[in-house]
Structures are given as structure tokens and as C-alpha cells.
Amino acid sequence: MRKRIPIPKITREIVKMMANYCCQRCGMSLKRSKLAQIHHIDRNPNNNNMENLELLCWYCHWGEHECKEDMLIFAINKELI
């Protein structure tokens, strides 16, 4: 398995600004939230093209993936649940 290519910080900020700091699925405001996550639309974590990234809240991101265990560990570590 290849090492995941991190999303550059500037790209993350642009994605957040373009989404007006709101989840692109449910509309939750994420401006001051630990729930904000960047989702790879094509599910390829190495495709960090802007067109492939969207801002989701943790709850919507959870629903997008089958790796529920990893998402649960993330939530516990970030004290989201």
C-alpha cells in the first residue's frame, strides 16, 4: 500500500472557503468546529485535485465510508463522541 499524500494546507483552506465553511451535504456551519473534514469525492486519498475535494462534517463523512472503525477511532481521539 502506498503512503497517503497529505492535502496541502492551502488547498484545505481554499476548499473550506469555497464551501463557505459549511458541510456540502447537510449545510452545518463548520467555521469553528472540530467536525470539519475534507472528503475525496472519488475516494482516492492521493487525488488532491480541488475538483475532487469537498468539505463535510464528521457525521456526513462517516456516512460516506465503509471504514466505520477508523472513523470511530478518529471521533474518540478528537472527543467528538
C-alpha atoms as a PDB file:
ATOM      1  CA  MET A   1       0.000   0.000   0.000  1.00  0.00           C
ATOM      2  CA  ARG A   2       1.301   3.441  -0.975  1.00  0.00           C
ATOM      3  CA  LYS A   3       1.676   6.150   1.616  1.00  0.00           C
ATOM      4  CA  ARG A   4      -1.181   8.643   1.527  1.00  0.00           C
ATOM      5  CA  ILE A   5      -0.311  12.056   0.054  1.00  0.00           C
ATOM      6  CA  PRO A   6      -1.428  14.732   2.552  1.00  0.00           C
ATOM      7  CA  ILE A   7      -3.702  17.526   1.336  1.00  0.00           C
ATOM      8  CA  PRO A   8      -1.657  20.750   1.354  1.00  0.00           C
ATOM      9  CA  LYS A   9      -2.788  23.247   3.999  1.00  0.00           C
ATOM     10  CA  ILE A  10      -3.508  25.948   1.397  1.00  0.00           C
ATOM     11  CA  THR A  11      -5.708  23.514  -0.551  1.00  0.00           C
ATOM     12  CA  ARG A  12      -7.624  22.659   2.626  1.00  0.00           C
ATOM     13  CA  GLU A  13      -8.230  26.344   3.309  1.00  0.00           C
ATOM     14  CA  ILE A  14      -9.413  27.010  -0.251  1.00  0.00           C
ATOM     15  CA  VAL A  15     -11.851  24.059  -0.081  1.00  0.00           C
ATOM     16  CA  LYS A  16     -13.236  25.418   3.206  1.00  0.00           C
ATOM     17  CA  MET A  17     -13.585  28.949   1.825  1.00  0.00           C
ATOM     18  CA  MET A  18     -15.264  27.737  -1.386  1.00  0.00           C
ATOM     19  CA  ALA A  19     -17.765  25.809   0.752  1.00  0.00           C
ATOM     20  CA  ASN A  20     -18.361  28.914   2.873  1.00  0.00           C
ATOM     21  CA  TYR A  21     -17.256  26.834   5.883  1.00  0.00           C
ATOM     22  CA  CYS A  22     -20.398  24.692   5.642  1.00  0.00           C
ATOM     23  CA  CYS A  23     -20.859  20.965   5.145  1.00  0.00           C
ATOM     24  CA  GLN A  24     -21.627  20.382   1.472  1.00  0.00           C
ATOM     25  CA  ARG A  25     -24.223  17.735   2.340  1.00  0.00           C
ATOM     26  CA  CYS A  26     -26.206  18.937   5.362  1.00  0.00           C
ATOM     27  CA  GLY A  27     -25.224  22.619   5.487  1.00  0.00           C
ATOM     28  CA  MET A  28     -23.873  22.537   9.061  1.00  0.00           C
ATOM     29  CA  SER A  29     -21.673  25.536   9.812  1.00  0.00           C
ATOM     30  CA  LEU A  30     -18.091  24.355  10.304  1.00  0.00           C
ATOM     31  CA  LYS A  31     -16.315  27.682  10.771  1.00  0.00           C
ATOM     32  CA  ARG A  32     -15.327  26.966  14.399  1.00  0.00           C
ATOM     33  CA  SER A  33     -15.865  23.240  14.507  1.00  0.00           C
ATOM     34  CA  LYS A  34     -13.693  20.204  15.076  1.00  0.00           C
ATOM     35  CA  LEU A  35     -16.204  18.346  12.915  1.00  0.00           C
ATOM     36  CA  ALA A  36     -14.871  19.727   9.580  1.00  0.00           C
ATOM     37  CA  GLN A  37     -13.264  17.167   7.280  1.00  0.00           C
ATOM     38  CA  ILE A  38     -12.096  17.159   3.678  1.00  0.00           C
ATOM     39  CA  HIS A  39     -13.584  14.294   1.655  1.00  0.00           C
ATOM     40  CA  HIS A  40     -12.097  12.811  -1.540  1.00  0.00           C
ATOM     41  CA  ILE A  41     -15.098  12.505  -3.856  1.00  0.00           C
ATOM     42  CA  ASP A  42     -13.540   9.705  -5.917  1.00  0.00           C
ATOM     43  CA  ARG A  43     -12.341   8.007  -2.702  1.00  0.00           C
ATOM     44  CA  ASN A  44      -8.743   8.128  -3.908  1.00  0.00           C
ATOM     45  CA  PRO A  45      -6.807   9.667  -0.990  1.00  0.00           C
ATOM     46  CA  ASN A  46      -3.939  10.552  -3.307  1.00  0.00           C
ATOM     47  CA  ASN A  47      -6.086  12.602  -5.695  1.00  0.00           C
ATOM     48  CA  ASN A  48      -5.869  16.020  -4.060  1.00  0.00           C
ATOM     49  CA  ASN A  49      -7.175  17.970  -7.073  1.00  0.00           C
ATOM     50  CA  MET A  50      -9.561  20.714  -5.989  1.00  0.00           C
ATOM     51  CA  GLU A  51     -12.380  19.235  -8.105  1.00  0.00           C
ATOM     52  CA  ASN A  52     -12.078  16.013  -6.097  1.00  0.00           C
ATOM     53  CA  LEU A  53     -12.343  17.574  -2.646  1.00  0.00           C
ATOM     54  CA  GLU A  54     -15.367  18.684  -0.659  1.00  0.00           C
ATOM     55  CA  LEU A  55     -15.947  19.888   2.876  1.00  0.00           C
ATOM     56  CA  LEU A  56     -18.091  17.605   5.003  1.00  0.00           C
ATOM     57  CA  CYS A  57     -18.980  17.491   8.665  1.00  0.00           C
ATOM     58  CA  TRP A  58     -17.820  14.412  10.507  1.00  0.00           C
ATOM     59  CA  TYR A  59     -21.328  12.936  10.528  1.00  0.00           C
ATOM     60  CA  CYS A  60     -21.772  13.181   6.743  1.00  0.00           C
ATOM     61  CA  HIS A  61     -18.212  11.948   6.178  1.00  0.00           C
ATOM     62  CA  TRP A  62     -18.959   8.967   8.435  1.00  0.00           C
ATOM     63  CA  GLY A  63     -21.896   8.074   6.194  1.00  0.00           C
ATOM     64  CA  GLU A  64     -19.740   8.190   3.049  1.00  0.00           C
ATOM     65  CA  HIS A  65     -17.287   5.490   4.103  1.00  0.00           C
ATOM     66  CA  GLU A  66     -17.401   1.839   4.970  1.00  0.00           C
ATOM     67  CA  CYS A  67     -14.347   2.197   7.246  1.00  0.00           C
ATOM     68  CA  LYS A  68     -16.578   2.908  10.219  1.00  0.00           C
ATOM     69  CA  GLU A  69     -13.965   1.593  12.698  1.00  0.00           C
ATOM     70  CA  ASP A  70     -11.373   4.153  11.553  1.00  0.00           C
ATOM     71  CA  MET A  71     -13.950   6.929  11.717  1.00  0.00           C
ATOM     72  CA  LEU A  72     -14.971   5.826  15.215  1.00  0.00           C
ATOM     73  CA  ILE A  73     -11.350   5.875  16.399  1.00  0.00           C
ATOM     74  CA  PHE A  74     -10.962   9.354  14.879  1.00  0.00           C
ATOM     75  CA  ALA A  75     -14.091  10.563  16.683  1.00  0.00           C
ATOM     76  CA  ILE A  76     -12.915   9.213  20.019  1.00  0.00           C
ATOM     77  CA  ASN A  77      -9.456  10.760  19.605  1.00  0.00           C
ATOM     78  CA  LYS A  78     -10.960  14.157  18.688  1.00  0.00           C
ATOM     79  CA  GLU A  79     -13.505  13.835  21.529  1.00  0.00           C
ATOM     80  CA  LEU A  80     -16.410  14.169  19.108  1.00  0.00           C
ATOM     81  CA  ILE A  81     -18.335  11.370  20.805  1.00  0.00           C
END
